[in-house]
Amino acid sequence: MMLLETLSRATSQDVAILKSAEVQLREWEINPGFYSTLLKICSEYNIDPSVRWMAALTFKNGVDRYWRRTAPK
């Protein structure tokens, strides 16, 4: 799955890899089903914990950005 690979790259210590993964995640965050897929990844215990953590962090940031009362419309 491309999202899993991108989340894995987002945990990289290499700044170039990390930045490209962050850009890709930002592009996907407005797509329908993105956040529900992140939640599924968070609940899969056979996935690397750092990738699950990144999925949870991405989900949290999306809630702050799009679902709060002060979110841009």
Protein backbone atom coordinates (compact mmCIF):
# COMPACT_ATOMS: atom_id res chain seq x y z
CA MET A 1 0.00 0.00 0.00
CA MET A 2 1.37 3.38 -0.99
CA LEU A 3 0.17 5.09 2.19
CA LEU A 4 2.10 2.65 4.37
CA GLU A 5 5.25 3.24 2.37
CA THR A 6 4.83 7.01 2.60
CA LEU A 7 4.23 6.87 6.35
CA SER A 8 7.36 4.74 6.67
CA ARG A 9 9.36 7.30 4.69
CA ALA A 10 7.94 10.04 6.96
CA THR A 11 9.75 8.41 9.88
CA SER A 12 13.10 8.56 8.08
CA GLN A 13 16.09 10.39 9.54
CA ASP A 14 17.05 11.53 6.02
CA VAL A 15 15.62 15.04 5.60
CA ALA A 16 15.10 14.71 1.84
CA ILE A 17 13.09 11.51 2.23
CA LEU A 18 11.15 12.95 5.16
CA LYS A 19 10.21 16.16 3.33
CA SER A 20 9.01 14.35 0.20
CA ALA A 21 6.86 12.05 2.35
CA GLU A 22 5.36 15.02 4.19
CA VAL A 23 4.48 16.71 0.90
CA GLN A 24 2.79 13.52 -0.34
CA LEU A 25 0.79 13.14 2.87
CA ARG A 26 -0.40 16.77 2.62
CA GLU A 27 -1.58 16.14 -0.94
CA TRP A 28 -3.57 13.09 0.15
CA GLU A 29 -5.10 14.58 3.30
CA ILE A 30 -8.06 16.09 1.41
CA ASN A 31 -8.96 12.81 -0.32
CA PRO A 32 -12.03 10.92 0.88
CA GLY A 33 -11.11 7.91 3.00
CA PHE A 34 -7.65 9.18 3.94
CA TYR A 35 -8.36 9.56 7.65
CA SER A 36 -10.32 6.32 7.96
CA THR A 37 -7.36 4.51 6.38
CA LEU A 38 -5.02 6.15 8.88
CA LEU A 39 -7.20 4.84 11.71
CA LYS A 40 -7.09 1.34 10.24
CA ILE A 41 -3.29 1.53 10.12
CA CYS A 42 -3.20 2.67 13.76
CA SER A 43 -5.17 -0.38 14.82
CA GLU A 44 -3.06 -2.96 12.95
CA TYR A 45 -0.62 -4.37 15.50
CA ASN A 46 1.42 -6.23 12.86
CA ILE A 47 2.57 -2.90 11.35
CA ASP A 48 5.80 -1.31 12.57
CA PRO A 49 5.06 0.82 15.67
CA SER A 50 6.83 3.87 14.24
CA VAL A 51 4.59 3.74 11.16
CA ARG A 52 1.51 3.36 13.36
CA TRP A 53 2.67 6.32 15.44
CA MET A 54 3.12 8.43 12.29
CA ALA A 55 -0.40 7.47 11.17
CA ALA A 56 -1.77 8.57 14.55
CA LEU A 57 0.16 11.83 14.43
CA THR A 58 -1.02 12.55 10.88
CA PHE A 59 -4.60 11.85 11.94
CA LYS A 60 -4.28 14.18 14.95
CA ASN A 61 -2.84 16.96 12.81
CA GLY A 62 -5.71 16.57 10.34
CA VAL A 63 -8.25 16.88 13.14
CA ASP A 64 -6.55 20.09 14.25
CA ARG A 65 -6.40 21.40 10.70
CA TYR A 66 -9.79 20.44 9.23
CA TRP A 67 -12.26 19.31 11.86
CA ARG A 68 -12.01 21.95 14.57
CA ARG A 69 -14.58 24.71 14.78
CA THR A 70 -11.88 27.20 13.76
CA ALA A 71 -10.89 25.18 10.68
CA PRO A 72 -10.94 26.98 7.33
CA LYS A 73 -14.06 26.26 5.31
